[in-house]
């Protein structure tokens, strides 16, 4: 049982570290609506 708790603590610590290192590239604000929601692919250049 203690192995599960230690594994969870290590995984949670690693996840927090990765998220904190993401900088401005990680958006945790949820679903977007309105002008900031871009669903169309970029136009192809010739």
PDB file of N, CA and C in Angstrom:
ATOM      1  N   UNK A   1       0.819  -1.206   0.000  1.00  0.00           N
ATOM      2  CA  UNK A   1       0.000   0.000   0.000  1.00  0.00           C
ATOM      3  C   UNK A   1       0.857   1.263   0.000  1.00  0.00           C
ATOM      4  N   UNK A   2       1.962   1.216   0.742  1.00  0.00           N
ATOM      5  CA  UNK A   2       2.817   2.393   0.800  1.00  0.00           C
ATOM      6  C   UNK A   2       3.464   2.668  -0.553  1.00  0.00           C
ATOM      7  N   UNK A   3       3.639   1.623  -1.352  1.00  0.00           N
ATOM      8  CA  UNK A   3       4.243   1.812  -2.680  1.00  0.00           C
ATOM      9  C   UNK A   3       3.308   2.630  -3.581  1.00  0.00           C
ATOM     10  N   UNK A   4       2.017   2.426  -3.434  1.00  0.00           N
ATOM     11  CA  UNK A   4       1.049   3.197  -4.220  1.00  0.00           C
ATOM     12  C   UNK A   4       1.115   4.676  -3.833  1.00  0.00           C
ATOM     13  N   UNK A   5       1.187   4.947  -2.538  1.00  0.00           N
ATOM     14  CA  UNK A   5       1.264   6.330  -2.069  1.00  0.00           C
ATOM     15  C   UNK A   5       2.550   7.002  -2.533  1.00  0.00           C
ATOM     16  N   UNK A   6       3.664   6.288  -2.470  1.00  0.00           N
ATOM     17  CA  UNK A   6       4.938   6.850  -2.928  1.00  0.00           C
ATOM     18  C   UNK A   6       4.901   7.076  -4.435  1.00  0.00           C
ATOM     19  N   UNK A   7       4.353   6.133  -5.173  1.00  0.00           N
ATOM     20  CA  UNK A   7       4.243   6.279  -6.628  1.00  0.00           C
ATOM     21  C   UNK A   7       3.374   7.465  -7.009  1.00  0.00           C
ATOM     22  N   UNK A   8       2.272   7.656  -6.300  1.00  0.00           N
ATOM     23  CA  UNK A   8       1.400   8.796  -6.571  1.00  0.00           C
ATOM     24  C   UNK A   8       2.117  10.106  -6.279  1.00  0.00           C
ATOM     25  N   UNK A   9       2.838  10.161  -5.163  1.00  0.00           N
ATOM     26  CA  UNK A   9       3.551  11.384  -4.800  1.00  0.00           C
ATOM     27  C   UNK A   9       4.622  11.715  -5.838  1.00  0.00           C
ATOM     28  N   UNK A  10       5.345  10.701  -6.305  1.00  0.00           N
ATOM     29  CA  UNK A  10       6.376  10.933  -7.324  1.00  0.00           C
ATOM     30  C   UNK A  10       5.738  11.397  -8.629  1.00  0.00           C
ATOM     31  N   UNK A  11       4.661  10.750  -9.041  1.00  0.00           N
ATOM     32  CA  UNK A  11       3.985  11.131 -10.275  1.00  0.00           C
ATOM     33  C   UNK A  11       3.423  12.539 -10.184  1.00  0.00           C
ATOM     34  N   UNK A  12       2.808  12.880  -9.047  1.00  0.00           N
ATOM     35  CA  UNK A  12       2.253  14.224  -8.878  1.00  0.00           C
ATOM     36  C   UNK A  12       3.353  15.273  -8.897  1.00  0.00           C
ATOM     37  N   UNK A  13       4.472  14.986  -8.257  1.00  0.00           N
ATOM     38  CA  UNK A  13       5.598  15.918  -8.271  1.00  0.00           C
ATOM     39  C   UNK A  13       6.150  16.109  -9.672  1.00  0.00           C
ATOM     40  N   UNK A  14       6.270  15.028 -10.418  1.00  0.00           N
ATOM     41  CA  UNK A  14       6.761  15.119 -11.794  1.00  0.00           C
ATOM     42  C   UNK A  14       5.792  15.910 -12.671  1.00  0.00           C
ATOM     43  N   UNK A  15       4.489  15.673 -12.497  1.00  0.00           N
ATOM     44  CA  UNK A  15       3.492  16.402 -13.281  1.00  0.00           C
ATOM     45  C   UNK A  15       3.540  17.894 -12.972  1.00  0.00           C
ATOM     46  N   UNK A  16       3.646  18.263 -11.706  1.00  0.00           N
ATOM     47  CA  UNK A  16       3.735  19.682 -11.339  1.00  0.00           C
ATOM     48  C   UNK A  16       5.001  20.317 -11.899  1.00  0.00           C
ATOM     49  N   UNK A  17       6.099  19.571 -11.893  1.00  0.00           N
ATOM     50  CA  UNK A  17       7.346  20.094 -12.443  1.00  0.00           C
ATOM     51  C   UNK A  17       7.212  20.355 -13.948  1.00  0.00           C
ATOM     52  N   UNK A  18       6.641  19.408 -14.675  1.00  0.00           N
ATOM     53  CA  UNK A  18       6.486  19.554 -16.127  1.00  0.00           C
ATOM     54  C   UNK A  18       5.564  20.725 -16.439  1.00  0.00           C
ATOM     55  N   UNK A  19       4.467  20.861 -15.701  1.00  0.00           N
ATOM     56  CA  UNK A  19       3.543  21.971 -15.933  1.00  0.00           C
ATOM     57  C   UNK A  19       4.212  23.302 -15.625  1.00  0.00           C
ATOM     58  N   UNK A  20       4.992  23.365 -14.563  1.00  0.00           N
ATOM     59  CA  UNK A  20       5.642  24.630 -14.193  1.00  0.00           C
ATOM     60  C   UNK A  20       6.715  25.017 -15.192  1.00  0.00           C
ATOM     61  N   UNK A  21       7.322  24.059 -15.863  1.00  0.00           N
ATOM     62  CA  UNK A  21       8.351  24.352 -16.855  1.00  0.00           C
ATOM     63  C   UNK A  21       7.765  24.725 -18.211  1.00  0.00           C
ATOM     64  N   UNK A  22       6.461  24.560 -18.388  1.00  0.00           N
ATOM     65  CA  UNK A  22       5.820  24.820 -19.666  1.00  0.00           C
ATOM     66  C   UNK A  22       5.764  26.282 -20.048  1.00  0.00           C
ATOM     67  N   UNK A  23       5.824  27.172 -19.095  1.00  0.00           N
ATOM     68  CA  UNK A  23       5.775  28.604 -19.388  1.00  0.00           C
ATOM     69  C   UNK A  23       4.416  29.022 -19.924  1.00  0.00           C
ATOM     70  N   UNK A  24       4.417  29.865 -20.945  1.00  0.00           N
ATOM     71  CA  UNK A  24       3.185  30.390 -21.517  1.00  0.00           C
ATOM     72  C   UNK A  24       2.574  29.456 -22.559  1.00  0.00           C
ATOM     73  N   UNK A  25       3.227  28.336 -22.839  1.00  0.00           N
ATOM     74  CA  UNK A  25       2.737  27.437 -23.880  1.00  0.00           C
ATOM     75  C   UNK A  25       1.604  26.550 -23.405  1.00  0.00           C
ATOM     76  N   UNK A  26       1.390  26.434 -22.108  1.00  0.00           N
ATOM     77  CA  UNK A  26       0.342  25.576 -21.579  1.00  0.00           C
ATOM     78  C   UNK A  26      -0.856  26.437 -21.183  1.00  0.00           C
ATOM     79  N   UNK A  27      -1.998  26.133 -21.758  1.00  0.00           N
ATOM     80  CA  UNK A  27      -3.215  26.895 -21.483  1.00  0.00           C
ATOM     81  C   UNK A  27      -4.158  26.023 -20.669  1.00  0.00           C
ATOM     82  N   UNK A  28      -4.327  26.346 -19.400  1.00  0.00           N
ATOM     83  CA  UNK A  28      -5.165  25.548 -18.502  1.00  0.00           C
ATOM     84  C   UNK A  28      -6.531  26.211 -18.265  1.00  0.00           C
ATOM     85  N   UNK A  29      -6.951  27.117 -19.158  1.00  0.00           N
ATOM     86  CA  UNK A  29      -8.167  27.878 -18.921  1.00  0.00           C
ATOM     87  C   UNK A  29      -9.434  27.170 -19.383  1.00  0.00           C
ATOM     88  N   UNK A  30      -9.332  26.054 -20.063  1.00  0.00           N
ATOM     89  CA  UNK A  30     -10.523  25.309 -20.454  1.00  0.00           C
ATOM     90  C   UNK A  30     -10.939  25.579 -21.894  1.00  0.00           C
ATOM     91  N   UNK A  31     -12.182  25.267 -22.170  1.00  0.00           N
ATOM     92  CA  UNK A  31     -12.700  25.374 -23.526  1.00  0.00           C
ATOM     93  C   UNK A  31     -12.819  26.827 -23.955  1.00  0.00           C
ATOM     94  N   UNK A  32     -12.444  27.094 -25.202  1.00  0.00           N
ATOM     95  CA  UNK A  32     -12.468  28.458 -25.737  1.00  0.00           C
ATOM     96  C   UNK A  32     -13.741  28.698 -26.530  1.00  0.00           C
ATOM     97  N   UNK A  33     -14.249  29.919 -26.418  1.00  0.00           N
ATOM     98  CA  UNK A  33     -15.423  30.345 -27.181  1.00  0.00           C
ATOM     99  C   UNK A  33     -15.149  31.748 -27.702  1.00  0.00           C
ATOM    100  N   UNK A  34     -15.616  32.030 -28.895  1.00  0.00           N
ATOM    101  CA  UNK A  34     -15.483  33.375 -29.430  1.00  0.00           C
ATOM    102  C   UNK A  34     -14.294  33.509 -30.368  1.00  0.00           C
ATOM    103  N   UNK A  35     -13.711  34.693 -30.397  1.00  0.00           N
ATOM    104  CA  UNK A  35     -12.666  35.012 -31.368  1.00  0.00           C
ATOM    105  C   UNK A  35     -11.390  34.221 -31.137  1.00  0.00           C
ATOM    106  N   UNK A  36     -11.103  33.854 -29.887  1.00  0.00           N
ATOM    107  CA  UNK A  36      -9.856  33.136 -29.628  1.00  0.00           C
ATOM    108  C   UNK A  36      -9.937  31.664 -29.981  1.00  0.00           C
ATOM    109  N   UNK A  37     -11.119  31.150 -30.313  1.00  0.00           N
ATOM    110  CA  UNK A  37     -11.301  29.755 -30.705  1.00  0.00           C
ATOM    111  C   UNK A  37     -11.099  29.623 -32.197  1.00  0.00           C
ATOM    112  N   UNK A  38      -9.985  29.056 -32.608  1.00  0.00           N
ATOM    113  CA  UNK A  38      -9.657  28.884 -34.020  1.00  0.00           C
ATOM    114  C   UNK A  38      -9.711  27.402 -34.332  1.00  0.00           C
ATOM    115  N   UNK A  39     -10.691  27.004 -35.151  1.00  0.00           N
ATOM    116  CA  UNK A  39     -10.843  25.586 -35.493  1.00  0.00           C
ATOM    117  C   UNK A  39     -10.470  25.327 -36.953  1.00  0.00           C
ATOM    118  N   UNK A  40     -10.318  26.364 -37.741  1.00  0.00           N
ATOM    119  CA  UNK A  40     -10.010  26.194 -39.160  1.00  0.00           C
ATOM    120  C   UNK A  40      -8.509  26.014 -39.350  1.00  0.00           C
ATOM    121  N   UNK A  41      -8.101  25.100 -40.242  1.00  0.00           N
ATOM    122  CA  UNK A  41      -6.668  24.934 -40.500  1.00  0.00           C
ATOM    123  C   UNK A  41      -6.105  26.164 -41.230  1.00  0.00           C
ATOM    124  N   UNK A  42      -4.820  26.332 -41.123  1.00  0.00           N
ATOM    125  CA  UNK A  42      -4.174  27.456 -41.792  1.00  0.00           C
ATOM    126  C   UNK A  42      -4.284  27.280 -43.303  1.00  0.00           C
ATOM    127  N   UNK A  43      -4.455  28.368 -44.046  1.00  0.00           N
ATOM    128  CA  UNK A  43      -4.563  28.238 -45.495  1.00  0.00           C
ATOM    129  C   UNK A  43      -3.253  27.722 -46.089  1.00  0.00           C
ATOM    130  N   UNK A  44      -3.387  26.846 -47.082  1.00  0.00           N
ATOM    131  CA  UNK A  44      -2.222  26.266 -47.726  1.00  0.00           C
ATOM    132  C   UNK A  44      -1.538  27.277 -48.618  1.00  0.00           C
ATOM    133  N   UNK A  45      -0.214  27.358 -48.529  1.00  0.00           N
ATOM    134  CA  UNK A  45       0.530  28.271 -49.393  1.00  0.00           C
ATOM    135  C   UNK A  45       1.055  27.525 -50.603  1.00  0.00           C
ATOM    136  N   UNK A  46       1.145  28.238 -51.734  1.00  0.00           N
ATOM    137  CA  UNK A  46       1.605  27.601 -52.972  1.00  0.00           C
ATOM    138  C   UNK A  46       3.068  27.839 -53.200  1.00  0.00           C
TER     139      UNK A  46
END
